[in-house]
Amino acid sequence: MKHTETRTLTAGVASLQDFLRLESAGGLVLMAATAAALVVGNSPLADTYTAVLSLPFQVSLGTWSIAKPLLLWINDGLMAVFFLLVGMELKREAIEGHLSRVRQAILPIFAAAGGMAMPALCFLALNASNPAAVNGWAIPAATDIAFALGVLALLGNRIPPALKAFLLSIAIIDDLGAILIIALFYTADLSGFALVVAAACVVGLAILNRLGVTRPAAYILLGVPLWIAVLKSGVHATLAGVVLAMFIPMRAPTGAKDSATPEKSPLRDFEHALHPWVAFGVLPVFAFANAGVPLTGLALPDVLHPVSLGIALGLFIGKPVGIMLMSWLAVRIGVASLASGLRWSQMFGAAVLCGVGFTMSLFVASLAYGPDVPHANLDRLGILVGSGLSGLAGYALLRFTSRQGA
């Protein structure tokens, strides 16, 4: 039994190393896609860029159809694949990773809670009196794993593994919080029939899991109608990806033909296969489609508008303040402690870096504000400013603290 646990732990460590490597490289690609979107969105190609994203696409079967512009196929369809990966990461971390042991998970849980609450309070402090803007309170709440780890990749071996694990844990818990926020606060009018169909798909997934089916294709066959049903239900369609992930088996059942090695994991294998497609395909495409903010005509009043300023301050100030306050509280009351070798100065650098909210912030903004909202571009401006400042300041702080041994 001890030998089996050791091999399982080794497999889990290898999965984490692969995850960090792919996320770091994917973060650099994400930065390039963001820069490309800004260039195209502020070039003579801007009208073409907007027109392509507005192209209507329709899938029909008899009287049933789904008709959306290309941008929404990206945001509702491709991002469901991203949330499928997020769901598998959450499940793996909860079972065998940094969130599997309560004592180890307490510090990032406290930190993530503060890192979500304080940015929301910063935004509400500036926008509470504006009913048209207040719906964006959750925009600065989440951390972009790929972008943050992409910045860490630029620092190389200067960053201790414990700090990377701490940042990763915060980002994953943030993603869980974002999933709950989307489900609870960004849900439209519900369709009873579509929810019944979605429930039937979930029962089917549970049966597959109970029978010990390990092939991901079987789950995806039910996942597609689940996505359609959730899309039609009024609950945001990307949540179907998270639900699907929860039923993919972590381990092959005892006696299965492909379970000769105890560490065999259908979920880990599928996550490993899907991760490059998300890191180098889904997220860069999403970034390119959503980050093309037209900067021409923007002036200081636009940056200081309560919406853009609330988001930027939430990410750049609210995130690190919330993370550090709650981390200090967890250590102070004795429920958690800093990992060996970590210093508070390094923790602060990581907390600032958590203000890079790019992908999830853009996604929540697309739910909070429709295209007809007068300040629709101001939310993206705030995200770019806040995430950019957080990335630059976090990089500088971590580089300084690592060199000085502060």
Protein backbone atom coordinates (compact mmCIF):
# COMPACT_ATOMS: atom_id res chain seq x y z
CA MET A 1 0.00 0.00 0.00
CA LYS A 2 2.82 2.38 0.85
CA HIS A 3 4.50 1.66 -2.49
CA THR A 4 1.22 2.38 -4.29
CA GLU A 5 0.80 5.71 -2.47
CA THR A 6 4.38 6.65 -3.37
CA ARG A 7 3.78 5.95 -7.06
CA THR A 8 0.51 7.89 -6.95
CA LEU A 9 2.29 10.86 -5.32
CA THR A 10 5.04 10.68 -7.95
CA ALA A 11 2.43 10.73 -10.71
CA GLY A 12 0.74 13.71 -9.05
CA VAL A 13 4.03 15.63 -8.85
CA ALA A 14 4.73 14.87 -12.51
CA SER A 15 1.26 16.16 -13.43
CA LEU A 16 1.93 19.38 -11.53
CA GLN A 17 5.29 19.86 -13.27
CA ASP A 18 3.69 19.31 -16.68
CA PHE A 19 0.89 21.69 -15.74
CA LEU A 20 3.29 24.45 -14.67
CA ARG A 21 5.42 24.04 -17.79
CA LEU A 22 2.44 24.19 -20.17
CA GLU A 23 0.76 27.06 -18.32
CA SER A 24 3.99 29.08 -18.34
CA ALA A 25 4.53 28.60 -22.07
CA GLY A 26 0.82 29.14 -22.72
CA GLY A 27 0.97 32.39 -20.74
CA LEU A 28 3.63 33.73 -23.09
CA VAL A 29 1.48 32.79 -26.10
CA LEU A 30 -1.48 34.47 -24.38
CA MET A 31 0.56 37.68 -24.04
CA ALA A 32 1.38 37.55 -27.76
CA ALA A 33 -2.29 37.03 -28.67
CA THR A 34 -3.29 39.98 -26.49
CA ALA A 35 -0.68 42.23 -28.10
CA ALA A 36 -1.82 41.11 -31.56
CA ALA A 37 -5.46 41.90 -30.70
CA LEU A 38 -4.53 45.39 -29.51
CA VAL A 39 -2.51 46.03 -32.69
CA VAL A 40 -5.27 44.77 -35.00
CA GLY A 41 -8.01 46.54 -33.02
CA ASN A 42 -6.18 49.84 -33.46
CA SER A 43 -5.12 49.44 -37.08
CA PRO A 44 -6.83 49.84 -40.47
CA LEU A 45 -7.97 46.23 -39.98
CA ALA A 46 -10.14 47.18 -36.98
CA ASP A 47 -13.40 47.18 -38.96
CA THR A 48 -12.57 43.80 -40.49
CA TYR A 49 -11.69 42.46 -37.02
CA THR A 50 -15.09 43.55 -35.68
CA ALA A 51 -16.94 42.28 -38.74
CA VAL A 52 -15.37 38.82 -38.54
CA LEU A 53 -16.24 38.48 -34.86
CA SER A 54 -19.82 39.52 -35.68
CA LEU A 55 -20.28 36.92 -38.43
CA PRO A 56 -23.42 34.85 -37.69
CA PHE A 57 -23.10 31.08 -37.42
CA GLN A 58 -26.06 28.76 -37.09
CA VAL A 59 -26.40 25.04 -36.40
CA SER A 60 -29.86 23.63 -37.13
CA LEU A 61 -31.64 20.29 -36.82
CA GLY A 62 -35.26 20.47 -37.89
CA THR A 63 -36.95 23.24 -35.92
CA TRP A 64 -34.14 23.30 -33.38
CA SER A 65 -31.22 25.66 -33.90
CA ILE A 66 -28.38 27.56 -32.24
CA ALA A 67 -27.58 30.89 -33.89
CA LYS A 68 -24.79 33.07 -32.53
CA PRO A 69 -22.14 35.45 -33.85
CA LEU A 70 -18.60 34.06 -34.00
CA LEU A 71 -17.59 35.92 -30.83
CA LEU A 72 -20.25 34.14 -28.77
CA TRP A 73 -19.33 30.74 -30.25
CA ILE A 74 -15.84 31.44 -28.92
CA ASN A 75 -17.02 32.71 -25.53
CA ASP A 76 -19.74 30.08 -24.98
CA GLY A 77 -18.32 27.14 -26.93
CA LEU A 78 -14.53 27.20 -26.84
CA MET A 79 -14.52 28.47 -23.27
CA ALA A 80 -16.57 25.44 -22.23
CA VAL A 81 -13.48 23.41 -23.16
CA PHE A 82 -11.40 25.71 -20.95
CA PHE A 83 -13.82 25.17 -18.07
CA LEU A 84 -13.65 21.42 -18.65
CA LEU A 85 -9.91 21.66 -18.09
CA VAL A 86 -10.42 23.88 -15.03
CA GLY A 87 -12.86 21.32 -13.61
CA MET A 88 -10.35 18.50 -14.07
CA GLU A 89 -7.62 20.60 -12.42
CA LEU A 90 -9.92 21.28 -9.47
CA LYS A 91 -10.79 17.61 -9.09
CA ARG A 92 -7.17 16.47 -9.34
CA GLU A 93 -5.93 19.07 -6.86
CA ALA A 94 -8.73 18.19 -4.42
CA ILE A 95 -7.97 14.46 -4.58
CA GLU A 96 -4.18 14.27 -4.73
CA GLY A 97 -2.77 17.78 -5.06
CA HIS A 98 -2.15 20.86 -2.93
CA LEU A 99 -5.81 21.09 -1.91
CA SER A 100 -6.12 17.46 -0.79
CA ARG A 101 -4.89 18.08 2.75
CA VAL A 102 -6.79 20.55 4.91
CA ARG A 103 -3.75 22.04 6.64
CA GLN A 104 -2.01 22.61 3.31
CA ALA A 105 -5.11 24.11 1.68
CA ILE A 106 -6.06 26.53 4.48
CA LEU A 107 -3.59 29.28 3.57
CA PRO A 108 -4.50 29.54 -0.15
CA ILE A 109 -8.21 29.25 0.74
CA PHE A 110 -7.94 32.23 3.10
CA ALA A 111 -5.79 34.10 0.58
CA ALA A 112 -8.15 33.43 -2.32
CA ALA A 113 -11.18 34.50 -0.28
CA GLY A 114 -9.54 37.83 0.50
CA GLY A 115 -8.30 38.12 -3.07
CA MET A 116 -11.86 37.83 -4.39
CA ALA A 117 -13.70 39.91 -1.78
CA MET A 118 -11.42 42.95 -1.69
CA PRO A 119 -11.40 43.63 -5.47
CA ALA A 120 -15.20 43.36 -5.52
CA LEU A 121 -15.40 45.87 -2.66
CA CYS A 122 -13.02 48.23 -4.51
CA PHE A 123 -15.25 48.10 -7.57
CA LEU A 124 -18.47 48.57 -5.59
CA ALA A 125 -17.00 51.51 -3.68
CA LEU A 126 -16.76 53.41 -6.97
CA ASN A 127 -19.84 52.03 -8.77
CA ALA A 128 -22.47 51.16 -6.16
CA SER A 129 -24.57 54.19 -7.08
CA ASN A 130 -24.65 53.32 -10.81
CA PRO A 131 -27.23 50.55 -11.52
CA ALA A 132 -25.92 50.09 -15.07
CA ALA A 133 -22.37 49.44 -13.86
CA VAL A 134 -22.81 47.57 -10.59
CA ASN A 135 -23.29 44.22 -12.32
CA GLY A 136 -19.56 44.18 -13.05
CA TRP A 137 -18.54 43.75 -9.39
CA ALA A 138 -17.05 40.29 -10.03
CA ILE A 139 -14.86 41.31 -12.99
CA PRO A 140 -11.67 41.91 -10.94
CA ALA A 141 -12.22 38.89 -8.66
CA ALA A 142 -10.34 36.08 -10.47
CA THR A 143 -6.69 35.39 -11.29
CA ASP A 144 -5.45 34.30 -14.73
CA ILE A 145 -3.34 31.17 -14.13
CA ALA A 146 -1.68 31.14 -17.55
CA PHE A 147 -0.76 34.81 -17.57
CA ALA A 148 0.56 34.77 -13.99
CA LEU A 149 2.65 31.65 -14.54
CA GLY A 150 3.86 33.10 -17.85
CA VAL A 151 5.29 36.04 -15.89
CA LEU A 152 6.84 33.62 -13.38
CA ALA A 153 8.45 31.75 -16.30
CA LEU A 154 10.39 34.94 -17.12
CA LEU A 155 11.99 34.71 -13.66
CA GLY A 156 13.25 31.16 -14.22
CA ASN A 157 14.71 29.35 -11.21
CA ARG A 158 14.63 32.43 -9.00
CA ILE A 159 11.15 31.46 -7.82
CA PRO A 160 10.91 28.66 -5.21
CA PRO A 161 8.51 25.79 -6.07
CA ALA A 162 6.51 26.48 -2.89
CA LEU A 163 5.68 29.98 -4.13
CA LYS A 164 4.56 28.63 -7.52
CA ALA A 165 2.37 26.08 -5.75
CA PHE A 166 0.88 28.82 -3.53
CA LEU A 167 0.05 31.01 -6.53
CA LEU A 168 -1.35 28.04 -8.45
CA SER A 169 -3.57 27.06 -5.51
CA ILE A 170 -4.93 30.61 -5.18
CA ALA A 171 -5.68 30.76 -8.91
CA ILE A 172 -7.47 27.39 -8.89
CA ILE A 173 -9.58 28.36 -5.86
CA ASP A 174 -10.31 31.68 -7.60
CA ASP A 175 -11.54 29.73 -10.61
CA LEU A 176 -13.85 27.72 -8.36
CA GLY A 177 -15.15 30.97 -6.90
CA ALA A 178 -15.67 32.40 -10.38
CA ILE A 179 -17.61 29.28 -11.38
CA LEU A 180 -19.92 29.71 -8.37
CA ILE A 181 -20.35 33.43 -9.10
CA ILE A 182 -21.27 32.74 -12.72
CA ALA A 183 -23.79 30.08 -11.67
CA LEU A 184 -25.38 32.23 -8.95
CA PHE A 185 -25.24 35.79 -10.31
CA TYR A 186 -24.95 35.60 -14.10
CA THR A 187 -27.81 33.26 -14.90
CA ALA A 188 -30.66 34.36 -17.19
CA ASP A 189 -34.31 33.26 -17.08
CA LEU A 190 -34.36 29.50 -16.66
CA SER A 191 -35.96 26.99 -19.03
CA GLY A 192 -37.48 24.06 -17.14
CA PHE A 193 -37.40 21.68 -20.11
CA ALA A 194 -33.74 22.39 -20.86
CA LEU A 195 -32.83 21.86 -17.19
CA VAL A 196 -34.61 18.48 -17.24
CA VAL A 197 -32.58 17.47 -20.32
CA ALA A 198 -29.39 18.66 -18.61
CA ALA A 199 -30.30 16.65 -15.49
CA ALA A 200 -30.82 13.54 -17.62
CA CYS A 201 -27.36 14.02 -19.14
CA VAL A 202 -25.87 14.35 -15.65
CA VAL A 203 -27.57 11.08 -14.61
CA GLY A 204 -26.05 9.44 -17.69
CA LEU A 205 -22.59 10.74 -16.74
CA ALA A 206 -23.05 9.41 -13.21
CA ILE A 207 -23.97 5.98 -14.60
CA LEU A 208 -20.86 5.93 -16.81
CA ASN A 209 -18.72 6.82 -13.80
CA ARG A 210 -20.43 4.19 -11.63
CA LEU A 211 -19.89 1.50 -14.29
CA GLY A 212 -16.18 2.31 -14.34
CA VAL A 213 -16.08 3.59 -17.91
CA THR A 214 -12.66 5.20 -18.42
CA ARG A 215 -12.73 6.34 -22.05
CA PRO A 216 -13.18 10.16 -22.22
CA ALA A 217 -15.00 9.81 -25.57
CA ALA A 218 -17.96 8.20 -23.78
CA TYR A 219 -18.24 11.18 -21.44
CA ILE A 220 -17.86 13.69 -24.27
CA LEU A 221 -20.74 12.03 -26.16
CA LEU A 222 -22.98 13.00 -23.25
CA GLY A 223 -21.10 16.23 -22.64
CA VAL A 224 -22.13 17.75 -26.00
CA PRO A 225 -25.92 17.44 -25.38
CA LEU A 226 -25.27 18.58 -21.81
CA TRP A 227 -23.60 21.75 -23.16
CA ILE A 228 -26.53 22.38 -25.52
CA ALA A 229 -29.08 21.84 -22.75
CA VAL A 230 -27.24 24.14 -20.33
CA LEU A 231 -26.90 26.75 -23.10
CA LYS A 232 -30.67 26.63 -23.69
CA SER A 233 -31.49 26.52 -19.96
CA GLY A 234 -30.34 30.06 -19.13
CA VAL A 235 -27.40 28.86 -17.00
CA HIS A 236 -24.16 29.83 -18.69
CA ALA A 237 -23.09 27.07 -21.08
CA THR A 238 -19.46 26.94 -19.94
CA LEU A 239 -20.56 25.44 -16.62
CA ALA A 240 -21.34 22.25 -18.52
CA GLY A 241 -17.59 21.75 -18.88
CA VAL A 242 -17.12 21.82 -15.10
CA VAL A 243 -19.98 19.36 -14.54
CA LEU A 244 -18.54 16.99 -17.15
CA ALA A 245 -15.11 17.11 -15.49
CA MET A 246 -16.51 16.01 -12.14
CA PHE A 247 -17.59 12.63 -13.57
CA ILE A 248 -14.38 11.67 -15.39
CA PRO A 249 -12.77 9.01 -13.15
CA MET A 250 -9.65 9.99 -11.28
CA ARG A 251 -8.47 6.37 -11.21
CA ALA A 252 -9.21 3.32 -13.32
CA PRO A 253 -11.35 0.78 -11.45
CA THR A 254 -9.65 -2.22 -9.87
CA GLY A 255 -9.44 -5.07 -12.34
CA ALA A 256 -9.80 -2.89 -15.43
CA LYS A 257 -7.61 -3.89 -18.36
CA ASP A 258 -5.86 -0.54 -18.39
CA SER A 259 -5.28 -0.41 -14.61
CA ALA A 260 -2.13 -2.55 -14.43
CA THR A 261 -0.34 0.37 -12.83
CA PRO A 262 -1.95 1.78 -9.65
CA GLU A 263 -1.25 5.36 -10.69
CA LYS A 264 -3.23 5.01 -13.94
CA SER A 265 -5.65 7.93 -14.10
CA PRO A 266 -8.17 8.56 -16.90
CA LEU A 267 -8.67 12.11 -15.65
CA ARG A 268 -4.95 12.88 -15.51
CA ASP A 269 -4.40 11.39 -18.97
CA PHE A 270 -7.29 13.36 -20.48
CA GLU A 271 -6.16 16.55 -18.74
CA HIS A 272 -2.64 16.02 -20.09
CA ALA A 273 -3.99 15.51 -23.62
CA LEU A 274 -6.36 18.49 -23.50
CA HIS A 275 -4.05 20.98 -21.81
CA PRO A 276 -1.92 21.94 -24.87
CA TRP A 277 -5.07 22.57 -26.92
CA VAL A 278 -6.37 24.95 -24.26
CA ALA A 279 -3.04 26.64 -23.51
CA PHE A 280 -2.03 27.16 -27.14
CA GLY A 281 -5.43 27.25 -28.85
CA VAL A 282 -8.53 28.05 -26.81
CA LEU A 283 -7.11 30.79 -24.56
CA PRO A 284 -5.10 32.65 -27.25
CA VAL A 285 -8.15 32.61 -29.56
CA PHE A 286 -10.33 33.90 -26.72
CA ALA A 287 -7.78 36.62 -25.90
CA PHE A 288 -7.47 37.69 -29.54
CA ALA A 289 -11.26 37.87 -29.90
CA ASN A 290 -11.83 39.85 -26.70
CA ALA A 291 -8.77 42.05 -26.13
CA GLY A 292 -8.96 44.23 -29.24
CA VAL A 293 -9.89 47.38 -27.33
CA PRO A 294 -9.94 50.46 -29.60
CA LEU A 295 -7.62 52.93 -27.89
CA THR A 296 -8.05 55.78 -30.35
CA GLY A 297 -9.97 58.62 -28.79
CA LEU A 298 -9.43 57.34 -25.25
CA ALA A 299 -8.28 59.98 -22.79
CA LEU A 300 -7.50 60.26 -19.09
CA PRO A 301 -11.21 60.61 -18.18
CA ASP A 302 -11.81 57.16 -19.71
CA VAL A 303 -9.12 55.58 -17.52
CA LEU A 304 -10.57 57.42 -14.51
CA HIS A 305 -14.16 56.40 -15.28
CA PRO A 306 -15.58 54.54 -12.24
CA VAL A 307 -15.94 51.30 -14.24
CA SER A 308 -12.40 51.15 -15.64
CA LEU A 309 -10.86 52.62 -12.48
CA GLY A 310 -12.83 50.27 -10.22
CA ILE A 311 -11.63 47.23 -12.18
CA ALA A 312 -8.02 48.45 -12.41
CA LEU A 313 -7.83 49.29 -8.70
CA GLY A 314 -9.57 46.05 -7.78
CA LEU A 315 -6.94 44.04 -9.63
CA PHE A 316 -3.86 46.11 -8.80
CA ILE A 317 -4.68 47.15 -5.21
CA GLY A 318 -7.60 45.05 -4.01
CA LYS A 319 -6.09 41.68 -4.97
CA PRO A 320 -2.77 41.97 -3.08
CA VAL A 321 -4.35 43.73 -0.10
CA GLY A 322 -7.03 41.05 0.25
CA ILE A 323 -4.58 38.17 -0.21
CA MET A 324 -2.03 39.53 2.26
CA LEU A 325 -4.60 40.48 4.92
CA MET A 326 -6.26 37.07 4.89
CA SER A 327 -2.94 35.21 4.68
CA TRP A 328 -1.66 37.15 7.69
CA LEU A 329 -4.90 36.41 9.54
CA ALA A 330 -4.64 32.66 8.81
CA VAL A 331 -1.07 32.56 10.11
CA ARG A 332 -1.86 34.85 13.05
CA ILE A 333 -4.72 32.72 14.38
CA GLY A 334 -2.65 29.58 13.91
CA VAL A 335 -4.70 27.71 11.32
CA ALA A 336 -1.94 27.92 8.69
CA SER A 337 1.76 28.63 8.32
CA LEU A 338 4.09 29.72 5.56
CA ALA A 339 5.71 26.89 3.60
CA SER A 340 9.35 26.25 4.42
CA GLY A 341 11.63 28.71 2.65
CA LEU A 342 8.91 31.25 1.84
CA ARG A 343 9.16 34.86 3.01
CA TRP A 344 6.41 37.45 3.37
CA SER A 345 8.15 39.67 0.83
CA GLN A 346 7.90 36.90 -1.76
CA MET A 347 4.29 36.32 -0.78
CA PHE A 348 3.58 39.99 -1.44
CA GLY A 349 5.16 39.75 -4.90
CA ALA A 350 2.98 36.72 -5.69
CA ALA A 351 -0.10 38.53 -4.31
CA VAL A 352 0.53 41.47 -6.65
CA LEU A 353 0.98 39.05 -9.55
CA CYS A 354 -2.44 37.54 -8.73
CA GLY A 355 -3.89 40.85 -9.93
CA VAL A 356 -3.39 39.61 -13.48
CA GLY A 357 -7.03 38.68 -13.99
CA PHE A 358 -7.03 38.83 -17.76
CA THR A 359 -8.85 35.76 -19.17
CA MET A 360 -11.40 35.22 -16.42
CA SER A 361 -11.96 38.96 -16.00
CA LEU A 362 -12.68 39.36 -19.72
CA PHE A 363 -15.01 36.38 -19.55
CA VAL A 364 -16.97 37.70 -16.56
CA ALA A 365 -17.10 41.13 -18.23
CA SER A 366 -18.71 39.54 -21.29
CA LEU A 367 -21.45 38.22 -18.97
CA ALA A 368 -21.82 41.37 -16.89
CA TYR A 369 -22.08 43.87 -19.75
CA GLY A 370 -23.71 43.30 -23.10
CA PRO A 371 -22.48 44.93 -26.32
CA ASP A 372 -25.08 47.70 -26.04
CA VAL A 373 -23.89 48.94 -22.63
CA PRO A 374 -22.41 52.44 -23.08
CA HIS A 375 -19.24 51.61 -21.13
CA ALA A 376 -18.65 48.19 -22.72
CA ASN A 377 -15.08 49.06 -23.75
CA LEU A 378 -14.23 50.66 -20.41
CA ASP A 379 -14.37 47.28 -18.65
CA ARG A 380 -11.75 45.87 -21.02
CA LEU A 381 -9.64 49.00 -20.61
CA GLY A 382 -9.71 48.54 -16.83
CA ILE A 383 -8.79 44.86 -17.18
CA LEU A 384 -5.83 45.65 -19.44
CA VAL A 385 -4.57 48.46 -17.19
CA GLY A 386 -5.02 46.55 -13.93
CA SER A 387 -3.61 43.27 -15.28
CA GLY A 388 -0.71 45.05 -16.99
CA LEU A 389 0.27 46.96 -13.85
CA SER A 390 -0.05 43.81 -11.72
CA GLY A 391 2.10 41.78 -14.11
CA LEU A 392 4.86 44.40 -14.30
CA ALA A 393 4.86 45.19 -10.57
CA GLY A 394 4.66 41.51 -9.57
CA TYR A 395 7.58 40.65 -11.86
CA ALA A 396 9.68 43.53 -10.48
CA LEU A 397 8.91 42.68 -6.85
CA LEU A 398 9.66 38.98 -7.22
CA ARG A 399 12.86 39.69 -9.11
CA PHE A 400 13.98 42.13 -6.41
CA THR A 401 13.05 39.95 -3.42
CA SER A 402 14.68 36.88 -4.99
CA ARG A 403 17.91 38.76 -5.68
CA GLN A 404 18.06 40.55 -2.35
CA GLY A 405 16.94 37.63 -0.22
CA ALA A 406 14.58 40.08 1.47
